[in-house]
Every structure is written in structure tokens, then in C-alpha cells.
Amino acid sequence: MLRKIFFPLLLGIVGCGVLVALGVWQVQRLAWKSAILDQISATIVAPPVTLPADADPVADEYLPVTVSGQITGQPLSVLVSTAENGAGYRTITGFRTDDGGDIVADLGFLSLDDRGAALPVGPVTLTGNLLWPDEVDDWTPEPDAATGIWFARDLPAMAAALNAEPVLVVARQIDPAGPTQPMPVGVDGIPNDHLGYAITWFMLAIGWALMTGLLIHRTTRKDA
């Protein structure tokens, strides 16, 4: 009897062990990712500083800054949809700082009907966070040349179109305020699916154990 159930029992133990180990690994990953998100959240709301002279995409990601200057160039419109306001556009512009540097500014949301509304003219102060978004993939359409609509924030391409450095300030406050509604940086858009993965692995382990028990039960009943 033991010899006949040895292989399914061994298979069940090994399979359950592997699946449980994968679930535990995802729980550990959940703790790791949660700590990173907490750190990012703390960085986002820290007191703003002046714009670094040579902003680094790794060291300065999410850095809160305050920068003064003027909006320049024809704004670029990125098609978006939000739960609060529905479909509309992110408004991306060039921004010439008081020290003469040209960067890129994300001024926030405009509804479909408000596209093209006049932006603030003259001295403007932006308070927000530095961001190097990674939104472009193989499925992202090219910008529509006829309408000037973009489908993702492609910072290098947008910076080139605006004759600016590829440094993006995502505004959370604009002084004086304009027609746009700021869409500040947050952690909501950063995926953290490890809990779901862990539950999936643990459920598979339970299913594997049940199937192993059923197989052993059928084997012993057949012998009986």
C-alpha cells in the first residue's frame, strides 16, 4: 500500500512546497514594494527645493521642486481619461526658468472642450515634482501630426519638440493659476500586485493538496 501511494504523496509534498514557497516569496515582495511606495510617498510630499542644476533621472526622481519662469512654446496635448473628470488632455509645455534654462512642464488636465485655452502669460511659479515617466511601449501610437495629439508622455520626444531639456516638472500648484487642473505625482499609478500573486500561489497550493489527497484516496479505495 505505502509503495503505491509513495509517488503521488511525494509529488503532492514537492508540488505544495514549491507553490507555498512562491506564495511566501510574493509576501516578501509585497513588504519590499510597500516600503518603496512609502518612501516615494514621503519624498513626494517633502518640502520643495530649487531645481537641481543637473537633475538626475535616478537620484532626483519624484524630487519636490519650486521653479519660476515663463511658459514657452506651443503646448502639447496628451490624451488621458480620469475617474474624476472623464476624457481630456494633459497639457505639456516648455518652461524657461529664471536662470535661462529650458525644461518641460506638465501643467495638468484640460477637458476636451477646453483644449487650446490660454495659459498664464508672464512670470509663473510652479511647485511640483520631477518625473521621468515611462509610458511608451510597442503599442503606443505615434503622435497625430494633424491634430497635435499625443498618446503618452514621451519625455525625450516632447523635449525635442519643445526645444527643451528632458527634465519634467509635474505641477501640483501653479501661481498664478491657469485653466488647467494640476494632476500631481502620486503612487496610485505604481503597480503593487504582489498580494494578488501571493493569494494565487497559496490557492494553487491548496488545490494541489486537495488533488493529491483525492488521488491517494482513489488509489487506496481501488486496492481495498
C-alpha atoms as a PDB file:
ATOM      1  CA  MET A   1       0.000   0.000   0.000  1.00  0.00           C
ATOM      2  CA  LEU A   2       2.677   2.512   1.003  1.00  0.00           C
ATOM      3  CA  ARG A   3       4.629   1.758  -2.141  1.00  0.00           C
ATOM      4  CA  LYS A   4       1.611   2.594  -4.320  1.00  0.00           C
ATOM      5  CA  ILE A   5       0.915   5.921  -2.668  1.00  0.00           C
ATOM      6  CA  PHE A   6       4.565   6.906  -2.292  1.00  0.00           C
ATOM      7  CA  PHE A   7       4.869   8.625  -5.687  1.00  0.00           C
ATOM      8  CA  PRO A   8       1.611  10.666  -5.519  1.00  0.00           C
ATOM      9  CA  LEU A   9       2.422  11.579  -1.900  1.00  0.00           C
ATOM     10  CA  LEU A  10       5.928  12.701  -2.881  1.00  0.00           C
ATOM     11  CA  LEU A  11       4.542  14.631  -5.851  1.00  0.00           C
ATOM     12  CA  GLY A  12       1.992  16.307  -3.609  1.00  0.00           C
ATOM     13  CA  ILE A  13       4.548  17.303  -0.979  1.00  0.00           C
ATOM     14  CA  VAL A  14       7.002  18.670  -3.541  1.00  0.00           C
ATOM     15  CA  GLY A  15       4.312  20.499  -5.518  1.00  0.00           C
ATOM     16  CA  CYS A  16       2.747  22.057  -2.431  1.00  0.00           C
ATOM     17  CA  GLY A  17       6.170  23.026  -1.130  1.00  0.00           C
ATOM     18  CA  VAL A  18       7.051  24.821  -4.371  1.00  0.00           C
ATOM     19  CA  LEU A  19       3.706  26.649  -4.536  1.00  0.00           C
ATOM     20  CA  VAL A  20       3.829  27.694  -0.878  1.00  0.00           C
ATOM     21  CA  ALA A  21       7.410  28.908  -1.358  1.00  0.00           C
ATOM     22  CA  LEU A  22       6.291  31.038  -4.298  1.00  0.00           C
ATOM     23  CA  GLY A  23       3.459  32.461  -2.184  1.00  0.00           C
ATOM     24  CA  VAL A  24       5.844  33.307   0.658  1.00  0.00           C
ATOM     25  CA  TRP A  25       8.201  34.954  -1.840  1.00  0.00           C
ATOM     26  CA  GLN A  26       5.357  37.163  -3.073  1.00  0.00           C
ATOM     27  CA  VAL A  27       4.501  38.128   0.519  1.00  0.00           C
ATOM     28  CA  GLN A  28       8.130  39.180   0.956  1.00  0.00           C
ATOM     29  CA  ARG A  29       7.954  41.105  -2.307  1.00  0.00           C
ATOM     30  CA  LEU A  30       4.778  42.790  -1.053  1.00  0.00           C
ATOM     31  CA  ALA A  31       6.603  44.046   2.042  1.00  0.00           C
ATOM     32  CA  TRP A  32       9.517  45.230  -0.109  1.00  0.00           C
ATOM     33  CA  LYS A  33       7.258  47.048  -2.590  1.00  0.00           C
ATOM     34  CA  SER A  34       5.171  48.614   0.182  1.00  0.00           C
ATOM     35  CA  ALA A  35       8.332  50.014   1.785  1.00  0.00           C
ATOM     36  CA  ILE A  36       9.383  51.508  -1.554  1.00  0.00           C
ATOM     37  CA  LEU A  37       5.964  53.100  -2.060  1.00  0.00           C
ATOM     38  CA  ASP A  38       6.081  54.548   1.461  1.00  0.00           C
ATOM     39  CA  GLN A  39       9.491  56.022   0.700  1.00  0.00           C
ATOM     40  CA  ILE A  40       8.263  57.502  -2.586  1.00  0.00           C
ATOM     41  CA  SER A  41       5.192  58.975  -0.846  1.00  0.00           C
ATOM     42  CA  ALA A  42       7.402  60.621   1.767  1.00  0.00           C
ATOM     43  CA  THR A  43       9.652  62.050  -0.960  1.00  0.00           C
ATOM     44  CA  ILE A  44       6.720  63.461  -2.932  1.00  0.00           C
ATOM     45  CA  VAL A  45       5.349  65.497  -0.014  1.00  0.00           C
ATOM     46  CA  ALA A  46       8.716  66.685   1.330  1.00  0.00           C
ATOM     47  CA  PRO A  47       9.407  70.457   1.327  1.00  0.00           C
ATOM     48  CA  PRO A  48      10.230  71.624  -2.208  1.00  0.00           C
ATOM     49  CA  VAL A  49      13.752  72.668  -3.145  1.00  0.00           C
ATOM     50  CA  THR A  50      15.209  74.604  -6.035  1.00  0.00           C
ATOM     51  CA  LEU A  51      15.633  72.798  -9.337  1.00  0.00           C
ATOM     52  CA  PRO A  52      18.986  70.978  -9.412  1.00  0.00           C
ATOM     53  CA  ALA A  53      21.408  72.312 -11.996  1.00  0.00           C
ATOM     54  CA  ASP A  54      21.943  68.814 -13.404  1.00  0.00           C
ATOM     55  CA  ALA A  55      18.853  66.783 -12.496  1.00  0.00           C
ATOM     56  CA  ASP A  56      19.464  63.034 -12.432  1.00  0.00           C
ATOM     57  CA  PRO A  57      16.666  60.636 -13.563  1.00  0.00           C
ATOM     58  CA  VAL A  58      17.548  58.154 -10.807  1.00  0.00           C
ATOM     59  CA  ALA A  59      18.648  60.258  -7.842  1.00  0.00           C
ATOM     60  CA  ASP A  60      16.084  63.035  -8.394  1.00  0.00           C
ATOM     61  CA  GLU A  61      13.002  61.013  -9.375  1.00  0.00           C
ATOM     62  CA  TYR A  62       9.948  62.446  -7.501  1.00  0.00           C
ATOM     63  CA  LEU A  63      12.052  65.286  -6.031  1.00  0.00           C
ATOM     64  CA  PRO A  64       9.738  68.154  -4.986  1.00  0.00           C
ATOM     65  CA  VAL A  65      10.842  71.447  -6.518  1.00  0.00           C
ATOM     66  CA  THR A  66       9.757  75.033  -6.930  1.00  0.00           C
ATOM     67  CA  VAL A  67      10.773  76.767 -10.142  1.00  0.00           C
ATOM     68  CA  SER A  68       9.968  80.229 -11.500  1.00  0.00           C
ATOM     69  CA  GLY A  69       9.988  81.363 -15.104  1.00  0.00           C
ATOM     70  CA  GLN A  70       7.712  81.625 -18.127  1.00  0.00           C
ATOM     71  CA  ILE A  71       5.657  79.174 -20.183  1.00  0.00           C
ATOM     72  CA  THR A  72       7.047  78.925 -23.699  1.00  0.00           C
ATOM     73  CA  GLY A  73       6.155  77.270 -26.960  1.00  0.00           C
ATOM     74  CA  GLN A  74       3.021  75.638 -28.310  1.00  0.00           C
ATOM     75  CA  PRO A  75       1.579  73.253 -25.699  1.00  0.00           C
ATOM     76  CA  LEU A  76       1.395  69.541 -26.421  1.00  0.00           C
ATOM     77  CA  SER A  77      -1.803  67.651 -25.594  1.00  0.00           C
ATOM     78  CA  VAL A  78      -1.654  64.090 -24.238  1.00  0.00           C
ATOM     79  CA  LEU A  79      -4.962  62.230 -24.428  1.00  0.00           C
ATOM     80  CA  VAL A  80      -5.948  60.904 -20.976  1.00  0.00           C
ATOM     81  CA  SER A  81      -9.013  59.740 -19.104  1.00  0.00           C
ATOM     82  CA  THR A  82      -9.540  60.318 -15.393  1.00  0.00           C
ATOM     83  CA  ALA A  83     -12.133  58.949 -12.985  1.00  0.00           C
ATOM     84  CA  GLU A  84     -12.897  62.457 -11.718  1.00  0.00           C
ATOM     85  CA  ASN A  85     -13.129  64.404 -14.972  1.00  0.00           C
ATOM     86  CA  GLY A  86     -13.508  61.891 -17.777  1.00  0.00           C
ATOM     87  CA  ALA A  87     -11.653  62.287 -21.056  1.00  0.00           C
ATOM     88  CA  GLY A  88      -9.351  65.203 -21.661  1.00  0.00           C
ATOM     89  CA  TYR A  89      -5.743  66.187 -22.156  1.00  0.00           C
ATOM     90  CA  ARG A  90      -2.595  66.583 -20.133  1.00  0.00           C
ATOM     91  CA  THR A  91      -1.088  69.911 -21.098  1.00  0.00           C
ATOM     92  CA  ILE A  92       2.673  69.726 -21.626  1.00  0.00           C
ATOM     93  CA  THR A  93       4.611  72.918 -22.325  1.00  0.00           C
ATOM     94  CA  GLY A  94       8.079  74.298 -22.482  1.00  0.00           C
ATOM     95  CA  PHE A  95       9.143  76.316 -19.443  1.00  0.00           C
ATOM     96  CA  ARG A  96      12.021  78.788 -19.403  1.00  0.00           C
ATOM     97  CA  THR A  97      13.376  79.180 -15.898  1.00  0.00           C
ATOM     98  CA  ASP A  98      14.607  82.464 -14.471  1.00  0.00           C
ATOM     99  CA  ASP A  99      18.195  81.313 -14.960  1.00  0.00           C
ATOM    100  CA  GLY A 100      17.577  80.795 -18.680  1.00  0.00           C
ATOM    101  CA  GLY A 101      17.254  77.001 -18.765  1.00  0.00           C
ATOM    102  CA  ASP A 102      14.501  75.354 -20.803  1.00  0.00           C
ATOM    103  CA  ILE A 103      12.693  72.392 -19.254  1.00  0.00           C
ATOM    104  CA  VAL A 104       9.336  70.646 -19.734  1.00  0.00           C
ATOM    105  CA  ALA A 105       6.291  71.306 -17.544  1.00  0.00           C
ATOM    106  CA  ASP A 106       3.170  69.196 -17.051  1.00  0.00           C
ATOM    107  CA  LEU A 107       0.507  71.771 -16.189  1.00  0.00           C
ATOM    108  CA  GLY A 108      -2.299  69.271 -15.713  1.00  0.00           C
ATOM    109  CA  PHE A 109      -5.747  68.470 -17.088  1.00  0.00           C
ATOM    110  CA  LEU A 110      -7.885  70.256 -19.637  1.00  0.00           C
ATOM    111  CA  SER A 111     -11.253  68.932 -20.758  1.00  0.00           C
ATOM    112  CA  LEU A 112     -11.806  68.079 -24.406  1.00  0.00           C
ATOM    113  CA  ASP A 113     -13.699  71.336 -24.904  1.00  0.00           C
ATOM    114  CA  ASP A 114     -11.083  73.470 -23.146  1.00  0.00           C
ATOM    115  CA  ARG A 115      -8.129  72.370 -25.252  1.00  0.00           C
ATOM    116  CA  GLY A 116      -6.335  75.448 -26.508  1.00  0.00           C
ATOM    117  CA  ALA A 117      -7.389  77.649 -23.575  1.00  0.00           C
ATOM    118  CA  ALA A 118      -4.958  80.482 -22.919  1.00  0.00           C
ATOM    119  CA  LEU A 119      -2.222  79.612 -20.413  1.00  0.00           C
ATOM    120  CA  PRO A 120      -0.758  82.096 -17.928  1.00  0.00           C
ATOM    121  CA  VAL A 121       1.427  84.749 -19.518  1.00  0.00           C
ATOM    122  CA  GLY A 122       4.335  86.372 -17.725  1.00  0.00           C
ATOM    123  CA  PRO A 123       6.117  85.213 -14.585  1.00  0.00           C
ATOM    124  CA  VAL A 124       4.845  81.859 -13.343  1.00  0.00           C
ATOM    125  CA  THR A 125       5.905  79.772 -10.357  1.00  0.00           C
ATOM    126  CA  LEU A 126       5.469  76.021 -10.454  1.00  0.00           C
ATOM    127  CA  THR A 127       5.605  73.765  -7.420  1.00  0.00           C
ATOM    128  CA  GLY A 128       5.633  70.067  -8.194  1.00  0.00           C
ATOM    129  CA  ASN A 129       7.812  67.009  -8.621  1.00  0.00           C
ATOM    130  CA  LEU A 130      10.434  65.875 -11.061  1.00  0.00           C
ATOM    131  CA  LEU A 131       9.411  62.830 -13.064  1.00  0.00           C
ATOM    132  CA  TRP A 132      10.821  60.784 -15.906  1.00  0.00           C
ATOM    133  CA  PRO A 133       7.678  58.891 -16.996  1.00  0.00           C
ATOM    134  CA  ASP A 134       7.911  55.515 -18.707  1.00  0.00           C
ATOM    135  CA  GLU A 135       4.600  55.398 -20.553  1.00  0.00           C
ATOM    136  CA  VAL A 136       5.591  54.448 -24.100  1.00  0.00           C
ATOM    137  CA  ASP A 137       5.508  50.838 -25.247  1.00  0.00           C
ATOM    138  CA  ASP A 138       5.270  48.960 -28.539  1.00  0.00           C
ATOM    139  CA  TRP A 139       1.506  49.577 -28.665  1.00  0.00           C
ATOM    140  CA  THR A 140       1.612  53.358 -28.187  1.00  0.00           C
ATOM    141  CA  PRO A 141       0.529  55.179 -31.366  1.00  0.00           C
ATOM    142  CA  GLU A 142       2.724  57.876 -32.799  1.00  0.00           C
ATOM    143  CA  PRO A 143       1.575  61.461 -32.118  1.00  0.00           C
ATOM    144  CA  ASP A 144      -1.117  62.588 -34.540  1.00  0.00           C
ATOM    145  CA  ALA A 145       0.541  65.182 -36.739  1.00  0.00           C
ATOM    146  CA  ALA A 146      -2.784  66.534 -37.977  1.00  0.00           C
ATOM    147  CA  THR A 147      -4.321  67.198 -34.565  1.00  0.00           C
ATOM    148  CA  GLY A 148      -1.154  67.523 -32.472  1.00  0.00           C
ATOM    149  CA  ILE A 149      -2.463  64.941 -30.010  1.00  0.00           C
ATOM    150  CA  TRP A 150      -0.060  62.633 -28.188  1.00  0.00           C
ATOM    151  CA  PHE A 151      -0.991  59.316 -26.592  1.00  0.00           C
ATOM    152  CA  ALA A 152       1.636  59.069 -23.857  1.00  0.00           C
ATOM    153  CA  ARG A 153       4.213  61.246 -22.159  1.00  0.00           C
ATOM    154  CA  ASP A 154       7.287  60.543 -24.262  1.00  0.00           C
ATOM    155  CA  LEU A 155       9.688  62.879 -22.480  1.00  0.00           C
ATOM    156  CA  PRO A 156      12.664  62.715 -24.883  1.00  0.00           C
ATOM    157  CA  ALA A 157      10.432  63.294 -27.924  1.00  0.00           C
ATOM    158  CA  MET A 158       8.437  66.018 -26.201  1.00  0.00           C
ATOM    159  CA  ALA A 159      11.575  67.767 -25.011  1.00  0.00           C
ATOM    160  CA  ALA A 160      12.893  67.726 -28.577  1.00  0.00           C
ATOM    161  CA  ALA A 161       9.584  69.116 -29.892  1.00  0.00           C
ATOM    162  CA  LEU A 162       9.683  71.906 -27.301  1.00  0.00           C
ATOM    163  CA  ASN A 163      13.425  72.631 -27.697  1.00  0.00           C
ATOM    164  CA  ALA A 164      13.946  71.894 -24.014  1.00  0.00           C
ATOM    165  CA  GLU A 165      15.985  69.639 -21.779  1.00  0.00           C
ATOM    166  CA  PRO A 166      14.371  66.264 -20.983  1.00  0.00           C
ATOM    167  CA  VAL A 167      13.561  67.338 -17.417  1.00  0.00           C
ATOM    168  CA  LEU A 168       9.869  67.268 -16.489  1.00  0.00           C
ATOM    169  CA  VAL A 169       8.215  69.115 -13.610  1.00  0.00           C
ATOM    170  CA  VAL A 170       4.718  67.793 -12.909  1.00  0.00           C
ATOM    171  CA  ALA A 171       2.917  70.723 -11.299  1.00  0.00           C
ATOM    172  CA  ARG A 172       0.768  70.391  -8.209  1.00  0.00           C
ATOM    173  CA  GLN A 173       0.469  74.152  -7.769  1.00  0.00           C
ATOM    174  CA  ILE A 174       0.632  76.911 -10.379  1.00  0.00           C
ATOM    175  CA  ASP A 175       0.890  80.585  -9.429  1.00  0.00           C
ATOM    176  CA  PRO A 176      -0.903  82.386 -10.974  1.00  0.00           C
ATOM    177  CA  ALA A 177      -3.449  79.649 -11.611  1.00  0.00           C
ATOM    178  CA  GLY A 178      -4.468  78.973 -15.190  1.00  0.00           C
ATOM    179  CA  PRO A 179      -7.208  76.935 -16.875  1.00  0.00           C
ATOM    180  CA  THR A 180      -5.509  73.612 -16.218  1.00  0.00           C
ATOM    181  CA  GLN A 181      -6.233  71.397 -13.226  1.00  0.00           C
ATOM    182  CA  PRO A 182      -2.944  70.027 -11.856  1.00  0.00           C
ATOM    183  CA  MET A 183      -2.527  66.241 -11.911  1.00  0.00           C
ATOM    184  CA  PRO A 184       0.189  65.857  -9.264  1.00  0.00           C
ATOM    185  CA  VAL A 185       2.530  62.916  -8.974  1.00  0.00           C
ATOM    186  CA  GLY A 186       1.311  60.100  -6.731  1.00  0.00           C
ATOM    187  CA  VAL A 187       1.907  56.421  -6.054  1.00  0.00           C
ATOM    188  CA  ASP A 188      -1.540  55.286  -7.217  1.00  0.00           C
ATOM    189  CA  GLY A 189      -0.233  54.600 -10.699  1.00  0.00           C
ATOM    190  CA  ILE A 190       2.631  52.397  -9.493  1.00  0.00           C
ATOM    191  CA  PRO A 191       1.501  48.748  -9.614  1.00  0.00           C
ATOM    192  CA  ASN A 192       1.697  46.644  -6.472  1.00  0.00           C
ATOM    193  CA  ASP A 193       0.058  43.315  -7.310  1.00  0.00           C
ATOM    194  CA  HIS A 194       2.113  41.069  -5.044  1.00  0.00           C
ATOM    195  CA  LEU A 195      -0.768  40.362  -2.645  1.00  0.00           C
ATOM    196  CA  GLY A 196      -2.858  39.041  -5.517  1.00  0.00           C
ATOM    197  CA  TYR A 197       0.038  36.917  -6.725  1.00  0.00           C
ATOM    198  CA  ALA A 198       0.574  35.520  -3.210  1.00  0.00           C
ATOM    199  CA  ILE A 199      -3.098  34.583  -2.857  1.00  0.00           C
ATOM    200  CA  THR A 200      -2.985  32.882  -6.258  1.00  0.00           C
ATOM    201  CA  TRP A 201       0.030  30.751  -5.302  1.00  0.00           C
ATOM    202  CA  PHE A 202      -1.492  29.783  -1.948  1.00  0.00           C
ATOM    203  CA  MET A 203      -4.800  28.851  -3.600  1.00  0.00           C
ATOM    204  CA  LEU A 204      -2.929  26.708  -6.113  1.00  0.00           C
ATOM    205  CA  ALA A 205      -1.122  25.014  -3.220  1.00  0.00           C
ATOM    206  CA  ILE A 206      -4.471  24.222  -1.575  1.00  0.00           C
ATOM    207  CA  GLY A 207      -5.807  22.884  -4.861  1.00  0.00           C
ATOM    208  CA  TRP A 208      -2.681  20.788  -5.353  1.00  0.00           C
ATOM    209  CA  ALA A 209      -3.051  19.327  -1.835  1.00  0.00           C
ATOM    210  CA  LEU A 210      -6.725  18.504  -2.426  1.00  0.00           C
ATOM    211  CA  MET A 211      -5.983  16.810  -5.739  1.00  0.00           C
ATOM    212  CA  THR A 212      -3.158  14.822  -4.115  1.00  0.00           C
ATOM    213  CA  GLY A 213      -5.488  13.717  -1.326  1.00  0.00           C
ATOM    214  CA  LEU A 214      -8.135  12.717  -3.866  1.00  0.00           C
ATOM    215  CA  LEU A 215      -5.611  10.705  -5.860  1.00  0.00           C
ATOM    216  CA  ILE A 216      -4.360   8.880  -2.749  1.00  0.00           C
ATOM    217  CA  HIS A 217      -7.931   8.234  -1.646  1.00  0.00           C
ATOM    218  CA  ARG A 218      -8.860   6.726  -5.007  1.00  0.00           C
ATOM    219  CA  THR A 219      -5.705   4.602  -5.015  1.00  0.00           C
ATOM    220  CA  THR A 220      -6.376   3.171  -1.548  1.00  0.00           C
ATOM    221  CA  ARG A 221     -10.071   2.554  -2.350  1.00  0.00           C
ATOM    222  CA  LYS A 222      -9.111   0.708  -5.508  1.00  0.00           C
ATOM    223  CA  ASP A 223      -6.768  -1.539  -3.532  1.00  0.00           C
ATOM    224  CA  ALA A 224      -9.433  -2.129  -0.897  1.00  0.00           C
END
